[in-house]
């Protein structure tokens, strides 16, 4: 629904609506992406046990750090398409690939890096593509980047979530499936912190699938 929402505002020449909807989409992407990052990073070890590979543990942690940029890449691509700049995400993806592919061969070939190097190369690609898309959105819409709202406040919530995971980690030794309860408690803590510090409000929560109907 992001692309038609942006396209509609562009067609009606409602510039402020374009900026608002773009900003809200990026904000919600970060809001969802931070806990996803924390969960995958914190529980990489028990998840790697499923694959019976210690190397998978490191790969999951590296990919977790790049995951939020992959989400932002998708969101910013949708915004640019809504703005009618359909070719830009493709160009930016090609640019990121031109950097990622040589890096992929370089890092994967290093004896002590291997698959970890492969994961890092892909993360770099996500970062470049998302950054180029975001830069284009700022250029065409004049959308301001509020670091406090987009980055600092969500990270504070993420740190609180990470602290909950660390405190409850001993429960995982009792039964591995208890990590679902720990994730639930951490997620509630994350939302409460952001509600308290102003990172989100009820209107933001209403836009979320599944959760929104409770607000």
N, C-alpha and C. Protein backbone atom coordinates (compact mmCIF):
# COMPACT_ATOMS: atom_id res chain seq x y z
N UNK A 1 0.82 -1.21 0.00
CA UNK A 1 0.00 0.00 0.00
C UNK A 1 0.85 1.26 0.00
N UNK A 2 2.18 1.12 0.21
CA UNK A 2 3.05 2.28 0.27
C UNK A 2 3.14 2.99 -1.08
N UNK A 3 3.36 2.21 -2.15
CA UNK A 3 3.54 2.81 -3.48
C UNK A 3 2.30 3.61 -3.90
N UNK A 4 1.08 3.04 -3.84
CA UNK A 4 -0.09 3.84 -4.23
C UNK A 4 -0.35 5.02 -3.31
N UNK A 5 0.00 4.89 -2.02
CA UNK A 5 -0.21 6.00 -1.08
C UNK A 5 0.68 7.19 -1.46
N UNK A 6 1.93 6.90 -1.81
CA UNK A 6 2.85 7.96 -2.23
C UNK A 6 2.43 8.51 -3.59
N UNK A 7 2.09 7.60 -4.51
CA UNK A 7 1.69 8.02 -5.86
C UNK A 7 0.47 8.94 -5.83
N UNK A 8 -0.49 8.61 -4.97
CA UNK A 8 -1.71 9.42 -4.85
C UNK A 8 -1.37 10.84 -4.40
N UNK A 9 -0.50 10.93 -3.39
CA UNK A 9 -0.12 12.25 -2.87
C UNK A 9 0.66 13.04 -3.92
N UNK A 10 1.50 12.35 -4.70
CA UNK A 10 2.26 13.02 -5.76
C UNK A 10 1.30 13.53 -6.84
N UNK A 11 0.34 12.70 -7.22
CA UNK A 11 -0.63 13.08 -8.26
C UNK A 11 -1.45 14.30 -7.84
N UNK A 12 -1.75 14.40 -6.55
CA UNK A 12 -2.53 15.52 -6.03
C UNK A 12 -1.65 16.71 -5.66
N UNK A 13 -0.34 16.55 -5.91
CA UNK A 13 0.65 17.59 -5.60
C UNK A 13 0.61 18.00 -4.13
N UNK A 14 0.39 17.01 -3.28
CA UNK A 14 0.38 17.24 -1.83
C UNK A 14 1.77 16.92 -1.27
N UNK A 15 2.66 17.88 -1.41
CA UNK A 15 4.07 17.65 -1.07
C UNK A 15 4.26 17.26 0.39
N UNK A 16 3.57 17.95 1.28
CA UNK A 16 3.72 17.66 2.71
C UNK A 16 3.24 16.24 3.04
N UNK A 17 2.21 15.79 2.34
CA UNK A 17 1.72 14.43 2.55
C UNK A 17 2.74 13.41 2.08
N UNK A 18 3.40 13.71 0.96
CA UNK A 18 4.47 12.84 0.45
C UNK A 18 5.58 12.71 1.48
N UNK A 19 6.00 13.84 2.01
CA UNK A 19 7.08 13.85 3.01
C UNK A 19 6.64 13.09 4.27
N UNK A 20 5.40 13.34 4.71
CA UNK A 20 4.89 12.70 5.92
C UNK A 20 4.82 11.19 5.76
N UNK A 21 4.24 10.74 4.65
CA UNK A 21 4.09 9.29 4.43
C UNK A 21 5.44 8.61 4.25
N UNK A 22 6.36 9.27 3.59
CA UNK A 22 7.70 8.71 3.41
C UNK A 22 8.40 8.58 4.75
N UNK A 23 8.30 9.63 5.54
CA UNK A 23 8.92 9.64 6.87
C UNK A 23 8.32 8.57 7.77
N UNK A 24 7.00 8.44 7.74
CA UNK A 24 6.32 7.43 8.56
C UNK A 24 6.73 6.02 8.15
N UNK A 25 6.85 5.78 6.85
CA UNK A 25 7.22 4.45 6.36
C UNK A 25 8.62 4.07 6.81
N UNK A 26 9.54 5.03 6.74
CA UNK A 26 10.92 4.76 7.16
C UNK A 26 10.98 4.56 8.67
N UNK A 27 10.24 5.39 9.39
CA UNK A 27 10.21 5.28 10.85
C UNK A 27 9.69 3.92 11.29
N UNK A 28 8.60 3.44 10.68
CA UNK A 28 8.03 2.15 11.05
C UNK A 28 8.95 1.00 10.65
N UNK A 29 9.66 1.16 9.54
CA UNK A 29 10.63 0.14 9.13
C UNK A 29 11.73 -0.01 10.17
N UNK A 30 12.23 1.11 10.66
CA UNK A 30 13.26 1.07 11.70
C UNK A 30 12.69 0.52 12.99
N UNK A 31 11.45 0.93 13.31
CA UNK A 31 10.79 0.46 14.53
C UNK A 31 10.66 -1.07 14.54
N UNK A 32 10.35 -1.65 13.40
CA UNK A 32 10.23 -3.11 13.30
C UNK A 32 11.61 -3.75 13.14
N UNK A 33 12.50 -3.08 12.43
CA UNK A 33 13.81 -3.64 12.14
C UNK A 33 14.72 -3.79 13.34
N UNK A 34 14.67 -2.82 14.27
CA UNK A 34 15.55 -2.87 15.45
C UNK A 34 15.30 -4.13 16.29
N UNK A 35 14.06 -4.44 16.68
CA UNK A 35 13.86 -5.67 17.46
C UNK A 35 14.21 -6.93 16.68
N UNK A 36 13.98 -6.92 15.37
CA UNK A 36 14.37 -8.07 14.55
C UNK A 36 15.87 -8.29 14.62
N UNK A 37 16.61 -7.17 14.55
CA UNK A 37 18.06 -7.22 14.68
C UNK A 37 18.47 -7.80 16.03
N UNK A 38 17.88 -7.27 17.09
CA UNK A 38 18.24 -7.69 18.45
C UNK A 38 17.92 -9.17 18.69
N UNK A 39 16.78 -9.62 18.17
CA UNK A 39 16.38 -11.01 18.37
C UNK A 39 17.33 -11.96 17.66
N UNK A 40 17.61 -11.68 16.39
CA UNK A 40 18.47 -12.57 15.61
C UNK A 40 19.90 -12.54 16.14
N UNK A 41 20.37 -11.34 16.55
CA UNK A 41 21.73 -11.23 17.07
C UNK A 41 21.86 -11.95 18.41
N UNK A 42 20.88 -11.78 19.29
CA UNK A 42 20.96 -12.35 20.63
C UNK A 42 20.78 -13.86 20.63
N UNK A 43 19.93 -14.36 19.73
CA UNK A 43 19.62 -15.79 19.73
C UNK A 43 20.26 -16.53 18.56
N UNK A 44 21.34 -15.94 18.04
CA UNK A 44 22.05 -16.59 16.93
C UNK A 44 22.60 -17.95 17.34
N UNK A 45 23.08 -18.03 18.60
CA UNK A 45 23.68 -19.29 19.05
C UNK A 45 22.67 -20.43 19.14
N UNK A 46 21.53 -20.25 19.86
CA UNK A 46 20.56 -21.35 19.89
C UNK A 46 19.98 -21.67 18.51
N UNK A 47 19.84 -20.65 17.66
CA UNK A 47 19.34 -20.91 16.32
C UNK A 47 20.36 -21.69 15.49
N UNK A 48 21.65 -21.42 15.72
CA UNK A 48 22.70 -22.13 14.98
C UNK A 48 22.77 -23.59 15.39
N UNK A 49 22.31 -23.90 16.59
CA UNK A 49 22.29 -25.31 17.03
C UNK A 49 21.38 -26.16 16.15
N UNK A 50 20.37 -25.49 15.57
CA UNK A 50 19.46 -26.20 14.66
C UNK A 50 20.22 -26.74 13.45
N UNK A 51 21.23 -25.95 13.01
CA UNK A 51 22.01 -26.33 11.83
C UNK A 51 23.25 -27.15 12.20
N UNK A 52 23.46 -27.35 13.52
CA UNK A 52 24.61 -28.12 14.00
C UNK A 52 25.93 -27.56 13.46
N UNK A 53 26.01 -26.23 13.44
CA UNK A 53 27.21 -25.59 12.90
C UNK A 53 27.53 -24.34 13.70
N UNK A 54 28.74 -24.30 14.28
CA UNK A 54 29.15 -23.13 15.05
C UNK A 54 29.39 -21.93 14.12
N UNK A 55 29.78 -22.20 12.87
CA UNK A 55 30.04 -21.12 11.93
C UNK A 55 28.76 -20.36 11.59
N UNK A 56 27.63 -21.05 11.63
CA UNK A 56 26.34 -20.41 11.35
C UNK A 56 26.05 -19.32 12.37
N UNK A 57 26.51 -19.50 13.60
CA UNK A 57 26.31 -18.53 14.68
C UNK A 57 26.84 -17.15 14.28
N UNK A 58 28.08 -17.11 13.77
CA UNK A 58 28.68 -15.85 13.35
C UNK A 58 27.96 -15.26 12.14
N UNK A 59 27.60 -16.13 11.20
CA UNK A 59 26.90 -15.67 10.00
C UNK A 59 25.58 -15.00 10.35
N UNK A 60 24.83 -15.60 11.26
CA UNK A 60 23.54 -15.04 11.67
C UNK A 60 23.72 -13.68 12.33
N UNK A 61 24.76 -13.53 13.14
CA UNK A 61 24.99 -12.25 13.80
C UNK A 61 25.35 -11.16 12.80
N UNK A 62 26.20 -11.51 11.83
CA UNK A 62 26.58 -10.53 10.80
C UNK A 62 25.36 -10.13 9.96
N UNK A 63 24.60 -11.12 9.53
CA UNK A 63 23.41 -10.85 8.71
C UNK A 63 22.34 -10.09 9.50
N UNK A 64 22.30 -10.32 10.81
CA UNK A 64 21.35 -9.58 11.66
C UNK A 64 21.65 -8.09 11.61
N UNK A 65 22.93 -7.74 11.65
CA UNK A 65 23.33 -6.33 11.62
C UNK A 65 22.97 -5.68 10.28
N UNK A 66 22.98 -6.48 9.22
CA UNK A 66 22.64 -5.93 7.91
C UNK A 66 21.17 -6.00 7.59
N UNK A 67 20.42 -6.77 8.39
CA UNK A 67 19.01 -6.97 8.10
C UNK A 67 18.21 -5.69 8.04
N UNK A 68 18.47 -4.78 8.97
CA UNK A 68 17.69 -3.54 9.02
C UNK A 68 17.90 -2.71 7.75
N UNK A 69 19.12 -2.80 7.18
CA UNK A 69 19.38 -2.07 5.93
C UNK A 69 18.67 -2.73 4.75
N UNK A 70 18.52 -4.06 4.83
CA UNK A 70 17.75 -4.77 3.79
C UNK A 70 16.29 -4.34 3.84
N UNK A 71 15.75 -4.18 5.06
CA UNK A 71 14.36 -3.71 5.21
C UNK A 71 14.22 -2.29 4.66
N UNK A 72 15.20 -1.44 5.01
CA UNK A 72 15.16 -0.05 4.54
C UNK A 72 15.28 0.02 3.02
N UNK A 73 16.07 -0.89 2.45
CA UNK A 73 16.19 -0.93 1.00
C UNK A 73 14.83 -1.17 0.34
N UNK A 74 14.07 -2.10 0.91
CA UNK A 74 12.75 -2.41 0.36
C UNK A 74 11.79 -1.23 0.51
N UNK A 75 11.80 -0.62 1.70
CA UNK A 75 10.90 0.51 1.95
C UNK A 75 11.23 1.70 1.07
N UNK A 76 12.51 2.05 1.00
CA UNK A 76 12.92 3.20 0.19
C UNK A 76 12.69 2.94 -1.30
N UNK A 77 12.80 1.69 -1.72
CA UNK A 77 12.48 1.35 -3.11
C UNK A 77 11.01 1.63 -3.40
N UNK A 78 10.14 1.26 -2.47
CA UNK A 78 8.71 1.52 -2.62
C UNK A 78 8.40 3.00 -2.69
N UNK A 79 9.09 3.78 -1.85
CA UNK A 79 8.87 5.24 -1.85
C UNK A 79 9.29 5.84 -3.19
N UNK A 80 10.47 5.44 -3.68
CA UNK A 80 10.95 5.96 -4.96
C UNK A 80 10.03 5.57 -6.11
N UNK A 81 9.50 4.37 -6.07
CA UNK A 81 8.54 3.95 -7.10
C UNK A 81 7.28 4.80 -7.03
N UNK A 82 6.84 5.11 -5.82
CA UNK A 82 5.68 5.97 -5.64
C UNK A 82 5.93 7.38 -6.15
N UNK A 83 7.18 7.82 -6.06
CA UNK A 83 7.56 9.15 -6.56
C UNK A 83 7.71 9.17 -8.08
N UNK A 84 7.61 7.99 -8.69
CA UNK A 84 7.77 7.91 -10.14
C UNK A 84 9.20 7.73 -10.58
N UNK A 85 10.11 7.52 -9.63
CA UNK A 85 11.53 7.33 -9.94
C UNK A 85 11.85 5.83 -9.97
N UNK A 86 11.15 5.12 -10.85
CA UNK A 86 11.23 3.66 -10.88
C UNK A 86 12.63 3.18 -11.22
N UNK A 87 13.35 3.94 -12.03
CA UNK A 87 14.67 3.51 -12.48
C UNK A 87 15.75 3.65 -11.41
N UNK A 88 15.54 4.54 -10.47
CA UNK A 88 16.59 4.82 -9.48
C UNK A 88 16.94 3.63 -8.60
N UNK A 89 15.96 2.90 -8.03
CA UNK A 89 16.32 1.74 -7.22
C UNK A 89 17.13 0.70 -8.00
N UNK A 90 16.81 0.56 -9.30
CA UNK A 90 17.56 -0.39 -10.13
C UNK A 90 19.00 0.08 -10.29
N UNK A 91 19.17 1.36 -10.58
CA UNK A 91 20.51 1.93 -10.73
C UNK A 91 21.30 1.78 -9.43
N UNK A 92 20.66 2.09 -8.31
CA UNK A 92 21.33 2.00 -7.01
C UNK A 92 21.70 0.56 -6.67
N UNK A 93 20.84 -0.39 -7.07
CA UNK A 93 21.14 -1.81 -6.85
C UNK A 93 22.34 -2.23 -7.67
N UNK A 94 22.43 -1.73 -8.91
CA UNK A 94 23.58 -2.05 -9.77
C UNK A 94 24.86 -1.47 -9.17
N UNK A 95 24.78 -0.23 -8.68
CA UNK A 95 25.96 0.39 -8.06
C UNK A 95 26.42 -0.42 -6.85
N UNK A 96 25.47 -0.82 -6.01
CA UNK A 96 25.84 -1.62 -4.83
C UNK A 96 26.42 -2.96 -5.23
N UNK A 97 25.90 -3.55 -6.33
CA UNK A 97 26.42 -4.84 -6.80
C UNK A 97 27.84 -4.70 -7.33
N UNK A 98 28.14 -3.57 -7.98
CA UNK A 98 29.48 -3.34 -8.50
C UNK A 98 30.51 -3.26 -7.38
N UNK A 99 30.07 -2.86 -6.21
CA UNK A 99 30.96 -2.82 -5.04
C UNK A 99 30.92 -4.14 -4.29
N UNK A 100 29.73 -4.73 -4.19
CA UNK A 100 29.56 -5.96 -3.41
C UNK A 100 30.27 -7.16 -4.04
N UNK A 101 30.18 -7.31 -5.35
CA UNK A 101 30.73 -8.50 -6.00
C UNK A 101 32.25 -8.61 -5.85
N UNK A 102 33.03 -7.54 -6.14
CA UNK A 102 34.47 -7.64 -5.89
C UNK A 102 34.79 -7.90 -4.41
N UNK A 103 34.01 -7.25 -3.54
CA UNK A 103 34.21 -7.44 -2.10
C UNK A 103 33.90 -8.88 -1.71
N UNK A 104 32.91 -9.45 -2.37
CA UNK A 104 32.51 -10.84 -2.12
C UNK A 104 33.66 -11.79 -2.42
N UNK A 105 34.29 -11.61 -3.57
CA UNK A 105 35.42 -12.47 -3.94
C UNK A 105 36.61 -12.24 -3.01
N UNK A 106 36.84 -10.97 -2.66
CA UNK A 106 37.99 -10.63 -1.81
C UNK A 106 37.86 -11.22 -0.42
N UNK A 107 36.73 -10.95 0.24
CA UNK A 107 36.56 -11.38 1.63
C UNK A 107 36.33 -12.88 1.77
N UNK A 108 35.58 -13.46 0.82
CA UNK A 108 35.32 -14.90 0.89
C UNK A 108 36.60 -15.69 0.70
N UNK A 109 37.53 -15.12 -0.08
CA UNK A 109 38.79 -15.81 -0.34
C UNK A 109 39.79 -15.75 0.79
N UNK A 110 39.55 -14.88 1.78
CA UNK A 110 40.48 -14.80 2.91
C UNK A 110 40.31 -16.02 3.81
N UNK A 111 41.42 -16.68 4.17
CA UNK A 111 41.35 -17.95 4.92
C UNK A 111 40.55 -17.86 6.22
N UNK A 112 40.70 -16.76 6.95
CA UNK A 112 40.05 -16.66 8.26
C UNK A 112 38.64 -16.05 8.18
N UNK A 113 38.19 -15.73 6.97
CA UNK A 113 36.87 -15.10 6.83
C UNK A 113 35.86 -16.06 6.21
N UNK A 114 36.16 -16.56 5.03
CA UNK A 114 35.26 -17.53 4.41
C UNK A 114 33.84 -17.03 4.27
N UNK A 115 32.88 -17.81 4.78
CA UNK A 115 31.46 -17.45 4.67
C UNK A 115 31.13 -16.18 5.44
N UNK A 116 31.90 -15.90 6.49
CA UNK A 116 31.70 -14.65 7.23
C UNK A 116 31.98 -13.47 6.30
N UNK A 117 33.01 -13.59 5.47
CA UNK A 117 33.31 -12.55 4.49
C UNK A 117 32.19 -12.38 3.48
N UNK A 118 31.58 -13.49 3.08
CA UNK A 118 30.44 -13.45 2.16
C UNK A 118 29.29 -12.66 2.78
N UNK A 119 29.00 -12.95 4.05
CA UNK A 119 27.92 -12.25 4.76
C UNK A 119 28.21 -10.76 4.87
N UNK A 120 29.46 -10.41 5.18
CA UNK A 120 29.84 -9.00 5.31
C UNK A 120 29.67 -8.28 3.98
N UNK A 121 30.05 -8.93 2.88
CA UNK A 121 29.91 -8.32 1.56
C UNK A 121 28.44 -8.02 1.25
N UNK A 122 27.56 -8.94 1.59
CA UNK A 122 26.13 -8.71 1.36
C UNK A 122 25.60 -7.58 2.23
N UNK A 123 26.07 -7.51 3.47
CA UNK A 123 25.64 -6.44 4.37
C UNK A 123 26.07 -5.08 3.82
N UNK A 124 27.31 -5.01 3.33
CA UNK A 124 27.80 -3.77 2.72
C UNK A 124 26.92 -3.38 1.53
N UNK A 125 26.52 -4.37 0.74
CA UNK A 125 25.63 -4.11 -0.39
C UNK A 125 24.30 -3.53 0.05
N UNK A 126 23.72 -4.10 1.12
CA UNK A 126 22.45 -3.58 1.65
C UNK A 126 22.61 -2.13 2.11
N UNK A 127 23.71 -1.86 2.81
CA UNK A 127 23.95 -0.51 3.35
C UNK A 127 24.06 0.50 2.21
N UNK A 128 24.83 0.16 1.18
CA UNK A 128 25.03 1.07 0.05
C UNK A 128 23.71 1.33 -0.67
N UNK A 129 22.98 0.29 -0.97
CA UNK A 129 21.72 0.43 -1.71
C UNK A 129 20.69 1.24 -0.92
N UNK A 130 20.55 0.93 0.38
CA UNK A 130 19.60 1.67 1.22
C UNK A 130 20.00 3.14 1.34
N UNK A 131 21.30 3.39 1.49
CA UNK A 131 21.79 4.76 1.64
C UNK A 131 21.56 5.58 0.38
N UNK A 132 21.82 4.97 -0.78
CA UNK A 132 21.60 5.67 -2.05
C UNK A 132 20.11 5.97 -2.25
N UNK A 133 19.27 5.00 -1.94
CA UNK A 133 17.82 5.23 -2.05
C UNK A 133 17.36 6.35 -1.13
N UNK A 134 17.85 6.31 0.11
CA UNK A 134 17.46 7.33 1.09
C UNK A 134 17.94 8.71 0.66
N UNK A 135 19.17 8.76 0.14
CA UNK A 135 19.70 10.03 -0.35
C UNK A 135 18.86 10.60 -1.48
N UNK A 136 18.38 9.72 -2.36
CA UNK A 136 17.53 10.16 -3.47
C UNK A 136 16.19 10.69 -2.97
N UNK A 137 15.63 10.03 -1.97
CA UNK A 137 14.35 10.48 -1.39
C UNK A 137 14.50 11.86 -0.78
N UNK A 138 15.58 12.05 -0.04
CA UNK A 138 15.84 13.36 0.58
C UNK A 138 15.99 14.43 -0.51
N UNK A 139 16.69 14.07 -1.58
CA UNK A 139 16.93 15.01 -2.68
C UNK A 139 15.62 15.44 -3.36
N UNK A 140 14.75 14.48 -3.63
CA UNK A 140 13.53 14.77 -4.39
C UNK A 140 12.37 15.29 -3.54
N UNK A 141 12.38 15.00 -2.26
CA UNK A 141 11.26 15.43 -1.41
C UNK A 141 11.64 16.49 -0.38
N UNK A 142 12.94 16.59 -0.10
CA UNK A 142 13.36 17.51 0.96
C UNK A 142 13.02 16.99 2.34
N UNK A 143 12.75 15.69 2.43
CA UNK A 143 12.39 15.07 3.72
C UNK A 143 13.52 15.25 4.74
N UNK A 144 13.22 15.83 5.91
CA UNK A 144 14.25 15.99 6.93
C UNK A 144 14.53 14.66 7.63
N UNK A 145 15.77 14.46 8.03
CA UNK A 145 16.15 13.26 8.77
C UNK A 145 16.34 13.64 10.23
N UNK A 146 15.41 13.21 11.06
CA UNK A 146 15.47 13.46 12.49
C UNK A 146 16.20 12.29 13.15
N UNK A 147 17.50 12.47 13.42
CA UNK A 147 18.30 11.37 13.97
C UNK A 147 17.77 10.89 15.32
N UNK A 148 17.25 11.82 16.10
CA UNK A 148 16.70 11.44 17.41
C UNK A 148 15.52 10.50 17.24
N UNK A 149 14.62 10.84 16.32
CA UNK A 149 13.40 10.06 16.12
C UNK A 149 13.67 8.77 15.36
N UNK A 150 14.54 8.85 14.33
CA UNK A 150 14.79 7.71 13.46
C UNK A 150 15.80 6.72 14.03
N UNK A 151 16.74 7.22 14.84
CA UNK A 151 17.85 6.36 15.25
C UNK A 151 18.03 6.24 16.76
N UNK A 152 18.18 7.38 17.44
CA UNK A 152 18.55 7.36 18.86
C UNK A 152 17.47 6.71 19.72
N UNK A 153 16.22 7.15 19.58
CA UNK A 153 15.14 6.60 20.41
C UNK A 153 14.89 5.11 20.15
N UNK A 154 14.85 4.67 18.88
CA UNK A 154 14.70 3.22 18.65
C UNK A 154 15.86 2.41 19.21
N UNK A 155 17.08 2.95 19.14
CA UNK A 155 18.24 2.23 19.68
C UNK A 155 18.17 2.11 21.19
N UNK A 156 17.64 3.15 21.85
CA UNK A 156 17.46 3.07 23.31
C UNK A 156 16.50 1.94 23.64
N UNK A 157 15.40 1.85 22.88
CA UNK A 157 14.47 0.74 23.07
C UNK A 157 15.12 -0.60 22.79
N UNK A 158 15.95 -0.64 21.74
CA UNK A 158 16.66 -1.87 21.39
C UNK A 158 17.63 -2.30 22.48
N UNK A 159 18.31 -1.33 23.10
CA UNK A 159 19.24 -1.66 24.18
C UNK A 159 18.48 -2.23 25.39
N UNK A 160 17.29 -1.67 25.64
CA UNK A 160 16.46 -2.20 26.72
C UNK A 160 16.03 -3.63 26.43
N UNK A 161 15.69 -3.88 25.19
CA UNK A 161 15.31 -5.23 24.76
C UNK A 161 16.48 -6.20 24.92
N UNK A 162 17.66 -5.74 24.52
CA UNK A 162 18.87 -6.57 24.64
C UNK A 162 19.18 -6.90 26.09
N UNK A 163 18.96 -5.91 26.97
CA UNK A 163 19.19 -6.13 28.41
C UNK A 163 18.24 -7.21 28.95
N UNK A 164 16.98 -7.16 28.53
CA UNK A 164 16.01 -8.19 28.94
C UNK A 164 16.48 -9.57 28.48
N UNK A 165 16.96 -9.65 27.24
CA UNK A 165 17.44 -10.93 26.72
C UNK A 165 18.60 -11.47 27.55
N UNK A 166 19.50 -10.57 27.95
CA UNK A 166 20.67 -10.99 28.74
C UNK A 166 20.23 -11.46 30.13
N UNK A 167 19.28 -10.75 30.73
CA UNK A 167 18.82 -11.09 32.08
C UNK A 167 18.10 -12.44 32.11
N UNK A 168 17.34 -12.71 31.05
CA UNK A 168 16.54 -13.93 31.02
C UNK A 168 17.23 -15.09 30.31
N UNK A 169 18.47 -14.88 29.87
CA UNK A 169 19.16 -15.92 29.12
C UNK A 169 19.32 -17.24 29.88
N UNK A 170 19.50 -17.20 31.22
CA UNK A 170 19.59 -18.48 31.96
C UNK A 170 18.37 -19.38 31.77
N UNK A 171 17.21 -18.80 31.44
CA UNK A 171 16.01 -19.62 31.23
C UNK A 171 16.18 -20.59 30.06
N UNK A 172 17.02 -20.20 29.10
CA UNK A 172 17.21 -21.03 27.91
C UNK A 172 17.86 -22.36 28.25
N UNK A 173 18.57 -22.39 29.39
CA UNK A 173 19.21 -23.64 29.81
C UNK A 173 18.18 -24.63 30.35
N UNK A 174 17.04 -24.10 30.80
CA UNK A 174 15.97 -24.97 31.31
C UNK A 174 15.27 -25.67 30.15
N UNK A 175 14.87 -24.87 29.16
CA UNK A 175 14.24 -25.44 27.96
C UNK A 175 14.42 -24.45 26.81
N UNK A 176 14.94 -24.90 25.65
CA UNK A 176 15.21 -24.00 24.53
C UNK A 176 13.98 -23.21 24.06
N UNK A 177 12.79 -23.82 24.15
CA UNK A 177 11.59 -23.15 23.65
C UNK A 177 11.18 -21.96 24.51
N UNK A 178 11.79 -21.83 25.69
CA UNK A 178 11.49 -20.68 26.55
C UNK A 178 11.96 -19.37 25.92
N UNK A 179 12.80 -19.49 24.87
CA UNK A 179 13.26 -18.26 24.23
C UNK A 179 12.09 -17.50 23.59
N UNK A 180 10.99 -18.20 23.29
CA UNK A 180 9.79 -17.53 22.76
C UNK A 180 9.18 -16.60 23.80
N UNK A 181 9.19 -17.05 25.07
CA UNK A 181 8.69 -16.21 26.16
C UNK A 181 9.61 -15.02 26.37
N UNK A 182 10.92 -15.28 26.31
CA UNK A 182 11.91 -14.21 26.49
C UNK A 182 11.75 -13.17 25.38
N UNK A 183 11.54 -13.62 24.15
CA UNK A 183 11.33 -12.69 23.04
C UNK A 183 10.07 -11.86 23.27
N UNK A 184 9.01 -12.49 23.76
CA UNK A 184 7.77 -11.78 24.05
C UNK A 184 7.96 -10.70 25.10
N UNK A 185 8.66 -11.04 26.19
CA UNK A 185 8.92 -10.07 27.26
C UNK A 185 9.79 -8.93 26.73
N UNK A 186 10.82 -9.27 25.96
CA UNK A 186 11.70 -8.25 25.40
C UNK A 186 10.97 -7.32 24.45
N UNK A 187 10.05 -7.87 23.66
CA UNK A 187 9.29 -7.06 22.70
C UNK A 187 8.37 -6.08 23.42
N UNK A 188 7.73 -6.55 24.48
CA UNK A 188 6.86 -5.67 25.28
C UNK A 188 7.68 -4.55 25.90
N UNK A 189 8.85 -4.91 26.42
CA UNK A 189 9.76 -3.91 27.01
C UNK A 189 10.15 -2.87 25.97
N UNK A 190 10.47 -3.32 24.77
CA UNK A 190 10.86 -2.43 23.67
C UNK A 190 9.76 -1.42 23.36
N UNK A 191 8.53 -1.91 23.23
CA UNK A 191 7.40 -1.03 22.92
C UNK A 191 7.15 -0.03 24.05
N UNK A 192 7.22 -0.50 25.30
CA UNK A 192 6.99 0.38 26.45
C UNK A 192 8.04 1.48 26.54
N UNK A 193 9.30 1.13 26.27
CA UNK A 193 10.37 2.13 26.31
C UNK A 193 10.12 3.20 25.25
N UNK A 194 9.73 2.78 24.05
CA UNK A 194 9.50 3.75 22.97
C UNK A 194 8.26 4.61 23.23
N UNK A 195 7.26 4.02 23.86
CA UNK A 195 6.08 4.82 24.24
C UNK A 195 6.46 5.85 25.30
N UNK A 196 7.34 5.44 26.20
CA UNK A 196 7.75 6.33 27.29
C UNK A 196 8.67 7.45 26.79
N UNK A 197 9.63 7.12 25.90
CA UNK A 197 10.58 8.15 25.46
C UNK A 197 10.10 8.94 24.24
N UNK A 198 8.91 8.61 23.75
CA UNK A 198 8.34 9.37 22.64
C UNK A 198 8.78 8.88 21.27
N UNK A 199 9.44 7.73 21.23
CA UNK A 199 9.88 7.18 19.95
C UNK A 199 8.72 6.78 19.07
N UNK A 200 7.62 6.35 19.69
CA UNK A 200 6.40 6.02 18.97
C UNK A 200 5.20 6.51 19.77
N UNK A 201 4.05 6.53 19.12
CA UNK A 201 2.81 6.83 19.83
C UNK A 201 1.75 5.82 19.38
N UNK A 202 0.55 5.97 19.89
CA UNK A 202 -0.52 5.01 19.56
C UNK A 202 -0.85 5.02 18.07
N UNK A 203 -0.71 6.18 17.43
CA UNK A 203 -0.99 6.25 15.99
C UNK A 203 -0.02 5.38 15.20
N UNK A 204 1.25 5.35 15.64
CA UNK A 204 2.24 4.50 14.99
C UNK A 204 1.88 3.03 15.16
N UNK A 205 1.46 2.67 16.36
CA UNK A 205 1.11 1.28 16.64
C UNK A 205 -0.12 0.84 15.85
N UNK A 206 -1.03 1.77 15.60
CA UNK A 206 -2.25 1.43 14.85
C UNK A 206 -1.94 1.05 13.40
N UNK A 207 -0.81 1.49 12.90
CA UNK A 207 -0.43 1.19 11.51
C UNK A 207 0.19 -0.19 11.36
N UNK A 208 0.50 -0.84 12.48
CA UNK A 208 1.16 -2.13 12.42
C UNK A 208 0.16 -3.26 12.25
N UNK A 209 0.48 -4.25 11.41
CA UNK A 209 -0.41 -5.41 11.28
C UNK A 209 -0.45 -6.21 12.58
N UNK A 210 -1.55 -6.82 12.87
CA UNK A 210 -1.77 -7.66 14.05
C UNK A 210 -1.83 -6.84 15.35
N UNK A 211 -0.84 -5.97 15.55
CA UNK A 211 -0.78 -5.19 16.80
C UNK A 211 -1.77 -4.04 16.76
N UNK A 212 -1.92 -3.40 15.58
CA UNK A 212 -2.70 -2.19 15.45
C UNK A 212 -4.13 -2.28 15.94
N UNK A 213 -4.74 -3.46 15.81
CA UNK A 213 -6.15 -3.59 16.20
C UNK A 213 -6.36 -3.46 17.70
N UNK A 214 -5.29 -3.58 18.49
CA UNK A 214 -5.41 -3.46 19.94
C UNK A 214 -5.30 -2.00 20.41
N UNK A 215 -5.03 -1.08 19.47
CA UNK A 215 -4.88 0.31 19.84
C UNK A 215 -5.89 1.19 19.09
